[in-house]
N, C-alpha and C. Protein backbone atom coordinates (compact mmCIF):
# COMPACT_ATOMS: atom_id res chain seq x y z
N UNK A 1 256.84 -41.95 206.38
CA UNK A 1 256.35 -42.18 205.05
C UNK A 1 257.33 -41.54 204.07
N UNK A 2 257.75 -42.29 203.10
CA UNK A 2 258.65 -41.76 202.08
C UNK A 2 257.81 -41.19 200.95
N UNK A 3 258.08 -39.96 200.57
CA UNK A 3 257.33 -39.32 199.50
C UNK A 3 258.12 -39.44 198.20
N UNK A 4 257.48 -39.93 197.14
CA UNK A 4 258.19 -40.08 195.87
C UNK A 4 258.50 -38.72 195.26
N UNK A 5 259.55 -38.71 194.47
CA UNK A 5 259.90 -37.49 193.74
C UNK A 5 259.73 -37.75 192.26
N UNK A 6 259.38 -36.72 191.53
CA UNK A 6 259.19 -36.86 190.09
C UNK A 6 260.54 -36.91 189.39
N UNK A 7 260.63 -37.76 188.40
CA UNK A 7 261.86 -37.84 187.63
C UNK A 7 261.79 -36.86 186.47
N UNK A 8 262.94 -36.44 185.94
CA UNK A 8 262.92 -35.54 184.79
C UNK A 8 262.20 -36.14 183.60
N UNK A 9 262.22 -37.48 183.48
CA UNK A 9 261.55 -38.13 182.37
C UNK A 9 260.03 -38.05 182.48
N UNK A 10 259.52 -37.73 183.67
CA UNK A 10 258.09 -37.70 183.89
C UNK A 10 257.47 -36.37 183.49
N UNK A 11 258.25 -35.42 183.03
CA UNK A 11 257.71 -34.11 182.69
C UNK A 11 256.83 -34.19 181.45
N UNK A 12 255.86 -33.31 181.40
CA UNK A 12 254.91 -33.26 180.29
C UNK A 12 255.58 -32.61 179.09
N UNK A 13 255.59 -33.30 177.97
CA UNK A 13 256.25 -32.78 176.78
C UNK A 13 255.30 -32.64 175.60
N UNK A 14 254.02 -32.53 175.88
CA UNK A 14 253.04 -32.39 174.81
C UNK A 14 251.69 -32.88 175.29
N UNK A 15 250.75 -33.01 174.36
CA UNK A 15 249.41 -33.47 174.75
C UNK A 15 249.46 -34.85 175.38
N UNK A 16 248.55 -35.08 176.31
CA UNK A 16 248.44 -36.40 176.94
C UNK A 16 247.81 -37.38 175.97
N UNK A 17 248.16 -38.64 176.14
CA UNK A 17 247.50 -39.67 175.35
C UNK A 17 246.05 -39.78 175.81
N UNK A 18 245.24 -40.41 175.00
CA UNK A 18 243.83 -40.59 175.36
C UNK A 18 243.70 -41.36 176.68
N UNK A 19 244.55 -42.36 176.87
CA UNK A 19 244.53 -43.17 178.09
C UNK A 19 244.86 -42.31 179.31
N UNK A 20 245.89 -41.50 179.23
CA UNK A 20 246.27 -40.65 180.35
C UNK A 20 245.20 -39.58 180.62
N UNK A 21 244.66 -39.03 179.57
CA UNK A 21 243.63 -38.00 179.72
C UNK A 21 242.40 -38.56 180.42
N UNK A 22 242.01 -39.78 180.07
CA UNK A 22 240.81 -40.37 180.67
C UNK A 22 241.04 -40.70 182.15
N UNK A 23 242.29 -40.84 182.57
CA UNK A 23 242.59 -41.16 183.96
C UNK A 23 242.61 -39.96 184.89
N UNK A 24 242.68 -38.75 184.35
CA UNK A 24 242.78 -37.56 185.20
C UNK A 24 241.61 -37.38 186.16
N UNK A 25 240.36 -37.54 185.74
CA UNK A 25 239.26 -37.40 186.71
C UNK A 25 239.33 -38.42 187.85
N UNK A 26 239.73 -39.66 187.52
CA UNK A 26 239.86 -40.69 188.57
C UNK A 26 241.00 -40.34 189.52
N UNK A 27 242.10 -39.83 188.98
CA UNK A 27 243.23 -39.45 189.82
C UNK A 27 242.84 -38.33 190.77
N UNK A 28 242.16 -37.32 190.26
CA UNK A 28 241.73 -36.20 191.09
C UNK A 28 240.76 -36.68 192.17
N UNK A 29 239.83 -37.55 191.80
CA UNK A 29 238.87 -38.07 192.78
C UNK A 29 239.58 -38.89 193.87
N UNK A 30 240.60 -39.64 193.48
CA UNK A 30 241.35 -40.43 194.46
C UNK A 30 242.05 -39.52 195.46
N UNK A 31 242.64 -38.44 194.97
CA UNK A 31 243.30 -37.50 195.88
C UNK A 31 242.29 -36.86 196.82
N UNK A 32 241.11 -36.51 196.32
CA UNK A 32 240.08 -35.91 197.16
C UNK A 32 239.69 -36.85 198.30
N UNK A 33 239.68 -38.14 198.01
CA UNK A 33 239.29 -39.12 199.01
C UNK A 33 240.40 -39.39 200.03
N UNK A 34 241.64 -39.41 199.58
CA UNK A 34 242.76 -39.81 200.42
C UNK A 34 243.37 -38.66 201.21
N UNK A 35 243.38 -37.47 200.66
CA UNK A 35 244.05 -36.34 201.33
C UNK A 35 243.64 -36.13 202.78
N UNK A 36 242.35 -36.20 203.13
CA UNK A 36 241.99 -36.00 204.54
C UNK A 36 242.59 -37.04 205.49
N UNK A 37 242.95 -38.21 204.98
CA UNK A 37 243.49 -39.27 205.83
C UNK A 37 244.99 -39.14 206.08
N UNK A 38 245.67 -38.26 205.37
CA UNK A 38 247.13 -38.11 205.53
C UNK A 38 247.37 -37.21 206.73
N UNK A 39 248.09 -37.74 207.71
CA UNK A 39 248.33 -36.97 208.93
C UNK A 39 249.73 -36.38 208.99
N UNK A 40 250.49 -36.54 207.95
CA UNK A 40 251.84 -36.00 207.86
C UNK A 40 251.78 -34.65 207.14
N UNK A 41 252.28 -33.58 207.77
CA UNK A 41 252.19 -32.24 207.18
C UNK A 41 252.86 -32.16 205.81
N UNK A 42 254.07 -32.71 205.71
CA UNK A 42 254.77 -32.67 204.42
C UNK A 42 254.02 -33.48 203.37
N UNK A 43 253.55 -34.67 203.74
CA UNK A 43 252.81 -35.50 202.81
C UNK A 43 251.55 -34.83 202.32
N UNK A 44 250.85 -34.17 203.23
CA UNK A 44 249.64 -33.44 202.85
C UNK A 44 249.96 -32.33 201.86
N UNK A 45 251.01 -31.59 202.14
CA UNK A 45 251.42 -30.49 201.25
C UNK A 45 251.82 -31.04 199.88
N UNK A 46 252.62 -32.10 199.88
CA UNK A 46 253.10 -32.69 198.64
C UNK A 46 251.93 -33.20 197.78
N UNK A 47 251.06 -34.00 198.38
CA UNK A 47 249.98 -34.59 197.60
C UNK A 47 248.90 -33.56 197.23
N UNK A 48 248.75 -32.51 198.01
CA UNK A 48 247.86 -31.42 197.61
C UNK A 48 248.41 -30.74 196.36
N UNK A 49 249.72 -30.57 196.33
CA UNK A 49 250.37 -29.97 195.15
C UNK A 49 250.21 -30.89 193.93
N UNK A 50 250.40 -32.18 194.10
CA UNK A 50 250.25 -33.13 193.00
C UNK A 50 248.81 -33.12 192.49
N UNK A 51 247.84 -33.07 193.41
CA UNK A 51 246.43 -33.01 193.02
C UNK A 51 246.17 -31.75 192.21
N UNK A 52 246.72 -30.62 192.67
CA UNK A 52 246.56 -29.36 191.94
C UNK A 52 247.14 -29.44 190.53
N UNK A 53 248.28 -30.09 190.40
CA UNK A 53 248.88 -30.25 189.08
C UNK A 53 248.00 -31.10 188.18
N UNK A 54 247.37 -32.12 188.73
CA UNK A 54 246.47 -32.97 187.94
C UNK A 54 245.26 -32.17 187.47
N UNK A 55 244.74 -31.31 188.33
CA UNK A 55 243.59 -30.48 187.96
C UNK A 55 243.98 -29.51 186.84
N UNK A 56 245.12 -28.85 186.98
CA UNK A 56 245.58 -27.90 185.95
C UNK A 56 245.82 -28.64 184.64
N UNK A 57 246.40 -29.81 184.71
CA UNK A 57 246.64 -30.61 183.50
C UNK A 57 245.32 -30.95 182.82
N UNK A 58 244.32 -31.33 183.59
CA UNK A 58 243.01 -31.64 183.02
C UNK A 58 242.40 -30.41 182.36
N UNK A 59 242.57 -29.25 182.99
CA UNK A 59 242.04 -28.02 182.40
C UNK A 59 242.75 -27.68 181.10
N UNK A 60 244.06 -27.85 181.06
CA UNK A 60 244.82 -27.59 179.83
C UNK A 60 244.37 -28.54 178.72
N UNK A 61 244.21 -29.79 179.05
CA UNK A 61 243.78 -30.77 178.05
C UNK A 61 242.38 -30.45 177.54
N UNK A 62 241.50 -29.96 178.40
CA UNK A 62 240.16 -29.56 177.98
C UNK A 62 240.23 -28.39 177.00
N UNK A 63 241.10 -27.43 177.29
CA UNK A 63 241.27 -26.28 176.39
C UNK A 63 241.85 -26.71 175.04
N UNK A 64 242.71 -27.71 175.02
CA UNK A 64 243.28 -28.19 173.76
C UNK A 64 242.19 -28.77 172.87
N UNK A 65 241.16 -29.36 173.49
CA UNK A 65 240.07 -29.96 172.71
C UNK A 65 239.18 -28.93 172.04
N UNK A 66 239.20 -27.70 172.55
CA UNK A 66 238.29 -26.68 172.00
C UNK A 66 238.85 -26.01 170.77
C-alpha cells in the first residue's frame, strides 16, 4: 500500500473555511471506522497520526469560535 505524503501547499495557513470545518467530524468518524481494518503497521501509524491531526484541528477551530 502506498501512503500519500502531505505537500507543503497543504499546510494550514489560517482558519478553515466553513466547508472544511464541517467536514472534520465526518473525517474523524471515517478514520475511526477504517483504522481497525488496516493491517499494515506503517499505514496504521500514519493514518492514526492523520486522524489525531484532524481532531486537534477541530479542537482549534472550536476554540476560535469562542
